C-alpha cells in the first residue's frame, strides 16, 4: 500500500507560489508540488503574496509620483 506523500510546510508552499508568480518552474518540481502541497495553503499563500505585490507597487508609484 502506498503511504500518502507528506504535506509540504509553509516555506515550501511559499516558495512554490513565488516561483509560480515568476512563471518559471521545472516539470519535476511541479509534479512534486502537485502531490505534496495543500490546495488551501496554496490559495492563502497566493492571496497573501498577491496582496503584498499590489501594495508594494502602489507604494512604489506613490513614492515616485511624490504623493
PDB file of N, CA and C in Angstrom:
ATOM      1  N   UNK A   1       0.835  -1.159   0.000  1.00  0.00           N
ATOM      2  CA  UNK A   1       0.000   0.000   0.000  1.00  0.00           C
ATOM      3  C   UNK A   1       0.895   1.243   0.000  1.00  0.00           C
ATOM      4  N   UNK A   2       0.538   2.250  -0.796  1.00  0.00           N
ATOM      5  CA  UNK A   2       1.315   3.482  -0.867  1.00  0.00           C
ATOM      6  C   UNK A   2       0.923   4.418   0.265  1.00  0.00           C
ATOM      7  N   UNK A   3       1.928   4.924   0.946  1.00  0.00           N
ATOM      8  CA  UNK A   3       1.672   5.903   2.004  1.00  0.00           C
ATOM      9  C   UNK A   3       1.450   7.267   1.354  1.00  0.00           C
ATOM     10  N   UNK A   4       0.570   8.075   1.912  1.00  0.00           N
ATOM     11  CA  UNK A   4       0.358   9.404   1.334  1.00  0.00           C
ATOM     12  C   UNK A   4       1.625  10.244   1.449  1.00  0.00           C
ATOM     13  N   UNK A   5       1.832  11.091   0.452  1.00  0.00           N
ATOM     14  CA  UNK A   5       3.012  11.945   0.457  1.00  0.00           C
ATOM     15  C   UNK A   5       2.914  12.937   1.609  1.00  0.00           C
ATOM     16  N   UNK A   6       4.031  13.194   2.274  1.00  0.00           N
ATOM     17  CA  UNK A   6       3.984  14.167   3.372  1.00  0.00           C
ATOM     18  C   UNK A   6       3.649  15.557   2.838  1.00  0.00           C
ATOM     19  N   UNK A   7       2.872  16.290   3.601  1.00  0.00           N
ATOM     20  CA  UNK A   7       2.474  17.634   3.198  1.00  0.00           C
ATOM     21  C   UNK A   7       3.650  18.591   3.344  1.00  0.00           C
ATOM     22  N   UNK A   8       3.746  19.491   2.387  1.00  0.00           N
ATOM     23  CA  UNK A   8       4.809  20.487   2.411  1.00  0.00           C
ATOM     24  C   UNK A   8       4.529  21.521   3.488  1.00  0.00           C
ATOM     25  N   UNK A   9       5.578  22.103   4.007  1.00  0.00           N
ATOM     26  CA  UNK A   9       5.448  23.123   5.039  1.00  0.00           C
ATOM     27  C   UNK A   9       5.166  24.496   4.448  1.00  0.00           C
ATOM     28  N   UNK A  10       5.123  25.480   5.328  1.00  0.00           N
ATOM     29  CA  UNK A  10       4.810  26.847   4.924  1.00  0.00           C
ATOM     30  C   UNK A  10       5.825  27.394   3.935  1.00  0.00           C
ATOM     31  N   UNK A  11       7.119  27.215   4.219  1.00  0.00           N
ATOM     32  CA  UNK A  11       8.152  27.785   3.353  1.00  0.00           C
ATOM     33  C   UNK A  11       8.167  27.119   1.987  1.00  0.00           C
ATOM     34  N   UNK A  12       7.926  25.825   1.928  1.00  0.00           N
ATOM     35  CA  UNK A  12       7.864  25.133   0.637  1.00  0.00           C
ATOM     36  C   UNK A  12       6.671  25.626  -0.174  1.00  0.00           C
ATOM     37  N   UNK A  13       5.551  25.859   0.498  1.00  0.00           N
ATOM     38  CA  UNK A  13       4.370  26.377  -0.187  1.00  0.00           C
ATOM     39  C   UNK A  13       4.630  27.784  -0.699  1.00  0.00           C
ATOM     40  N   UNK A  14       5.212  28.628   0.130  1.00  0.00           N
ATOM     41  CA  UNK A  14       5.507  29.998  -0.279  1.00  0.00           C
ATOM     42  C   UNK A  14       6.495  30.022  -1.436  1.00  0.00           C
ATOM     43  N   UNK A  15       7.509  29.166  -1.382  1.00  0.00           N
ATOM     44  CA  UNK A  15       8.485  29.102  -2.472  1.00  0.00           C
ATOM     45  C   UNK A  15       7.813  28.695  -3.781  1.00  0.00           C
ATOM     46  N   UNK A  16       6.926  27.715  -3.737  1.00  0.00           N
ATOM     47  CA  UNK A  16       6.223  27.280  -4.943  1.00  0.00           C
ATOM     48  C   UNK A  16       5.346  28.396  -5.500  1.00  0.00           C
ATOM     49  N   UNK A  17       4.680  29.132  -4.616  1.00  0.00           N
ATOM     50  CA  UNK A  17       3.827  30.239  -5.068  1.00  0.00           C
ATOM     51  C   UNK A  17       4.671  31.341  -5.704  1.00  0.00           C
ATOM     52  N   UNK A  18       5.792  31.685  -5.090  1.00  0.00           N
ATOM     53  CA  UNK A  18       6.634  32.741  -5.646  1.00  0.00           C
ATOM     54  C   UNK A  18       7.239  32.332  -6.986  1.00  0.00           C
ATOM     55  N   UNK A  19       7.635  31.067  -7.126  1.00  0.00           N
ATOM     56  CA  UNK A  19       8.129  30.598  -8.420  1.00  0.00           C
ATOM     57  C   UNK A  19       7.015  30.645  -9.457  1.00  0.00           C
ATOM     58  N   UNK A  20       5.804  30.374  -9.041  1.00  0.00           N
ATOM     59  CA  UNK A  20       4.676  30.438  -9.965  1.00  0.00           C
ATOM     60  C   UNK A  20       4.411  31.874 -10.399  1.00  0.00           C
ATOM     61  N   UNK A  21       4.596  32.825  -9.491  1.00  0.00           N
ATOM     62  CA  UNK A  21       4.451  34.232  -9.866  1.00  0.00           C
ATOM     63  C   UNK A  21       5.456  34.587 -10.953  1.00  0.00           C
ATOM     64  N   UNK A  22       6.667  34.059 -10.841  1.00  0.00           N
ATOM     65  CA  UNK A  22       7.705  34.340 -11.829  1.00  0.00           C
ATOM     66  C   UNK A  22       7.455  33.586 -13.131  1.00  0.00           C
ATOM     67  N   UNK A  23       6.675  32.530 -13.075  1.00  0.00           N
ATOM     68  CA  UNK A  23       6.362  31.763 -14.281  1.00  0.00           C
ATOM     69  C   UNK A  23       7.437  30.775 -14.677  1.00  0.00           C
ATOM     70  N   UNK A  24       8.339  30.479 -13.762  1.00  0.00           N
ATOM     71  CA  UNK A  24       9.439  29.567 -14.058  1.00  0.00           C
ATOM     72  C   UNK A  24       9.341  28.382 -13.108  1.00  0.00           C
ATOM     73  N   UNK A  25       9.141  27.208 -13.674  1.00  0.00           N
ATOM     74  CA  UNK A  25       9.020  26.008 -12.842  1.00  0.00           C
ATOM     75  C   UNK A  25       9.438  24.801 -13.663  1.00  0.00           C
ATOM     76  N   UNK A  26      10.275  23.956 -13.096  1.00  0.00           N
ATOM     77  CA  UNK A  26      10.657  22.718 -13.770  1.00  0.00           C
ATOM     78  C   UNK A  26       9.536  21.702 -13.622  1.00  0.00           C
ATOM     79  N   UNK A  27       9.418  20.828 -14.609  1.00  0.00           N
ATOM     80  CA  UNK A  27       8.346  19.828 -14.583  1.00  0.00           C
ATOM     81  C   UNK A  27       8.455  18.928 -13.352  1.00  0.00           C
ATOM     82  N   UNK A  28       9.670  18.540 -13.019  1.00  0.00           N
ATOM     83  CA  UNK A  28       9.872  17.667 -11.854  1.00  0.00           C
ATOM     84  C   UNK A  28       9.393  18.363 -10.574  1.00  0.00           C
ATOM     85  N   UNK A  29       9.749  19.633 -10.418  1.00  0.00           N
ATOM     86  CA  UNK A  29       9.323  20.377  -9.229  1.00  0.00           C
ATOM     87  C   UNK A  29       7.812  20.555  -9.211  1.00  0.00           C
ATOM     88  N   UNK A  30       7.235  20.817 -10.371  1.00  0.00           N
ATOM     89  CA  UNK A  30       5.780  20.978 -10.451  1.00  0.00           C
ATOM     90  C   UNK A  30       5.070  19.692 -10.028  1.00  0.00           C
ATOM     91  N   UNK A  31       5.548  18.560 -10.511  1.00  0.00           N
ATOM     92  CA  UNK A  31       4.915  17.286 -10.161  1.00  0.00           C
ATOM     93  C   UNK A  31       5.075  16.981  -8.673  1.00  0.00           C
ATOM     94  N   UNK A  32       6.235  17.297  -8.108  1.00  0.00           N
ATOM     95  CA  UNK A  32       6.439  17.086  -6.679  1.00  0.00           C
ATOM     96  C   UNK A  32       5.509  17.986  -5.871  1.00  0.00           C
ATOM     97  N   UNK A  33       5.376  19.237  -6.296  1.00  0.00           N
ATOM     98  CA  UNK A  33       4.486  20.161  -5.597  1.00  0.00           C
ATOM     99  C   UNK A  33       3.032  19.729  -5.704  1.00  0.00           C
ATOM    100  N   UNK A  34       2.647  19.198  -6.846  1.00  0.00           N
ATOM    101  CA  UNK A  34       1.256  18.788  -7.043  1.00  0.00           C
ATOM    102  C   UNK A  34       0.862  17.675  -6.086  1.00  0.00           C
ATOM    103  N   UNK A  35       1.814  16.865  -5.678  1.00  0.00           N
ATOM    104  CA  UNK A  35       1.489  15.774  -4.760  1.00  0.00           C
ATOM    105  C   UNK A  35       1.653  16.153  -3.292  1.00  0.00           C
ATOM    106  N   UNK A  36       2.439  17.197  -3.000  1.00  0.00           N
ATOM    107  CA  UNK A  36       2.726  17.486  -1.596  1.00  0.00           C
ATOM    108  C   UNK A  36       2.090  18.769  -1.062  1.00  0.00           C
ATOM    109  N   UNK A  37       1.670  19.677  -1.938  1.00  0.00           N
ATOM    110  CA  UNK A  37       1.123  20.942  -1.456  1.00  0.00           C
ATOM    111  C   UNK A  37      -0.357  20.819  -1.134  1.00  0.00           C
ATOM    112  N   UNK A  38      -0.763  21.502  -0.085  1.00  0.00           N
ATOM    113  CA  UNK A  38      -2.165  21.562   0.312  1.00  0.00           C
ATOM    114  C   UNK A  38      -2.828  22.688  -0.486  1.00  0.00           C
ATOM    115  N   UNK A  39      -3.884  22.399  -1.244  1.00  0.00           N
ATOM    116  CA  UNK A  39      -4.516  23.433  -2.076  1.00  0.00           C
ATOM    117  C   UNK A  39      -4.971  24.658  -1.281  1.00  0.00           C
ATOM    118  N   UNK A  40      -5.464  24.452  -0.081  1.00  0.00           N
ATOM    119  CA  UNK A  40      -5.900  25.595   0.734  1.00  0.00           C
ATOM    120  C   UNK A  40      -4.715  26.483   1.099  1.00  0.00           C
ATOM    121  N   UNK A  41      -3.595  25.867   1.434  1.00  0.00           N
ATOM    122  CA  UNK A  41      -2.399  26.635   1.783  1.00  0.00           C
ATOM    123  C   UNK A  41      -1.870  27.395   0.573  1.00  0.00           C
ATOM    124  N   UNK A  42      -1.971  26.800  -0.615  1.00  0.00           N
ATOM    125  CA  UNK A  42      -1.518  27.472  -1.832  1.00  0.00           C
ATOM    126  C   UNK A  42      -2.389  28.694  -2.106  1.00  0.00           C
ATOM    127  N   UNK A  43      -3.695  28.561  -1.924  1.00  0.00           N
ATOM    128  CA  UNK A  43      -4.604  29.687  -2.155  1.00  0.00           C
ATOM    129  C   UNK A  43      -4.309  30.818  -1.174  1.00  0.00           C
ATOM    130  N   UNK A  44      -4.141  30.478   0.093  1.00  0.00           N
ATOM    131  CA  UNK A  44      -3.853  31.505   1.103  1.00  0.00           C
ATOM    132  C   UNK A  44      -2.512  32.178   0.810  1.00  0.00           C
ATOM    133  N   UNK A  45      -1.492  31.389   0.498  1.00  0.00           N
ATOM    134  CA  UNK A  45      -0.175  31.959   0.198  1.00  0.00           C
ATOM    135  C   UNK A  45      -0.235  32.825  -1.055  1.00  0.00           C
ATOM    136  N   UNK A  46      -1.008  32.407  -2.049  1.00  0.00           N
ATOM    137  CA  UNK A  46      -1.161  33.201  -3.266  1.00  0.00           C
ATOM    138  C   UNK A  46      -1.854  34.524  -3.008  1.00  0.00           C
ATOM    139  N   UNK A  47      -2.895  34.505  -2.189  1.00  0.00           N
ATOM    140  CA  UNK A  47      -3.597  35.748  -1.850  1.00  0.00           C
ATOM    141  C   UNK A  47      -2.695  36.702  -1.066  1.00  0.00           C
ATOM    142  N   UNK A  48      -1.947  36.153  -0.124  1.00  0.00           N
ATOM    143  CA  UNK A  48      -1.035  36.994   0.658  1.00  0.00           C
ATOM    144  C   UNK A  48       0.063  37.571  -0.232  1.00  0.00           C
ATOM    145  N   UNK A  49       0.671  36.733  -1.059  1.00  0.00           N
ATOM    146  CA  UNK A  49       1.738  37.202  -1.944  1.00  0.00           C
ATOM    147  C   UNK A  49       1.199  38.215  -2.951  1.00  0.00           C
ATOM    148  N   UNK A  50      -0.001  37.985  -3.467  1.00  0.00           N
ATOM    149  CA  UNK A  50      -0.610  38.935  -4.398  1.00  0.00           C
ATOM    150  C   UNK A  50      -0.889  40.271  -3.744  1.00  0.00           C
ATOM    151  N   UNK A  51      -1.396  40.246  -2.518  1.00  0.00           N
ATOM    152  CA  UNK A  51      -1.670  41.493  -1.798  1.00  0.00           C
ATOM    153  C   UNK A  51      -0.380  42.260  -1.518  1.00  0.00           C
ATOM    154  N   UNK A  52       0.660  41.545  -1.115  1.00  0.00           N
ATOM    155  CA  UNK A  52       1.947  42.201  -0.867  1.00  0.00           C
ATOM    156  C   UNK A  52       2.492  42.800  -2.155  1.00  0.00           C
ATOM    157  N   UNK A  53       2.357  42.092  -3.261  1.00  0.00           N
ATOM    158  CA  UNK A  53       2.834  42.593  -4.553  1.00  0.00           C
ATOM    159  C   UNK A  53       2.096  43.865  -4.945  1.00  0.00           C
ATOM    160  N   UNK A  54       0.768  43.848  -4.859  1.00  0.00           N
ATOM    161  CA  UNK A  54      -0.030  45.018  -5.242  1.00  0.00           C
ATOM    162  C   UNK A  54       0.284  46.200  -4.331  1.00  0.00           C
ATOM    163  N   UNK A  55       0.357  45.967  -3.027  1.00  0.00           N
ATOM    164  CA  UNK A  55       0.653  47.057  -2.100  1.00  0.00           C
ATOM    165  C   UNK A  55       2.053  47.630  -2.316  1.00  0.00           C
ATOM    166  N   UNK A  56       3.011  46.779  -2.669  1.00  0.00           N
ATOM    167  CA  UNK A  56       4.358  47.288  -2.928  1.00  0.00           C
ATOM    168  C   UNK A  56       4.397  48.108  -4.216  1.00  0.00           C
ATOM    169  N   UNK A  57       3.643  47.711  -5.230  1.00  0.00           N
ATOM    170  CA  UNK A  57       3.569  48.502  -6.469  1.00  0.00           C
ATOM    171  C   UNK A  57       2.919  49.852  -6.186  1.00  0.00           C
ATOM    172  N   UNK A  58       1.828  49.855  -5.430  1.00  0.00           N
ATOM    173  CA  UNK A  58       1.150  51.108  -5.084  1.00  0.00           C
ATOM    174  C   UNK A  58       2.086  52.017  -4.290  1.00  0.00           C
ATOM    175  N   UNK A  59       2.803  51.465  -3.323  1.00  0.00           N
ATOM    176  CA  UNK A  59       3.736  52.264  -2.525  1.00  0.00           C
ATOM    177  C   UNK A  59       4.857  52.821  -3.393  1.00  0.00           C
ATOM    178  N   UNK A  60       5.364  52.023  -4.316  1.00  0.00           N
ATOM    179  CA  UNK A  60       6.429  52.482  -5.206  1.00  0.00           C
ATOM    180  C   UNK A  60       5.946  53.616  -6.097  1.00  0.00           C
ATOM    181  N   UNK A  61       4.759  53.474  -6.665  1.00  0.00           N
ATOM    182  CA  UNK A  61       4.208  54.516  -7.537  1.00  0.00           C
ATOM    183  C   UNK A  61       3.968  55.799  -6.743  1.00  0.00           C
ATOM    184  N   UNK A  62       3.433  55.667  -5.539  1.00  0.00           N
ATOM    185  CA  UNK A  62       3.210  56.856  -4.703  1.00  0.00           C
ATOM    186  C   UNK A  62       4.536  57.537  -4.369  1.00  0.00           C
ATOM    187  N   UNK A  63       5.577  56.743  -4.146  1.00  0.00           N
ATOM    188  CA  UNK A  63       6.895  57.300  -3.858  1.00  0.00           C
ATOM    189  C   UNK A  63       7.439  58.052  -5.065  1.00  0.00           C
ATOM    190  N   UNK A  64       7.320  57.458  -6.250  1.00  0.00           N
ATOM    191  CA  UNK A  64       7.847  58.075  -7.465  1.00  0.00           C
ATOM    192  C   UNK A  64       7.067  59.338  -7.810  1.00  0.00           C
ATOM    193  N   UNK A  65       5.747  59.282  -7.689  1.00  0.00           N
ATOM    194  CA  UNK A  65       4.915  60.429  -8.038  1.00  0.00           C
ATOM    195  C   UNK A  65       5.052  61.528  -6.984  1.00  0.00           C
ATOM    196  N   UNK A  66       5.349  61.154  -5.758  1.00  0.00           N
ATOM    197  CA  UNK A  66       5.544  62.131  -4.701  1.00  0.00           C
ATOM    198  C   UNK A  66       4.281  62.513  -3.972  1.00  0.00           C
ATOM    199  N   UNK A  67       3.338  61.600  -3.902  1.00  0.00           N
ATOM    200  CA  UNK A  67       2.074  61.889  -3.208  1.00  0.00           C
ATOM    201  C   UNK A  67       2.231  61.641  -1.732  1.00  0.00           C
TER     202      UNK A  67
END
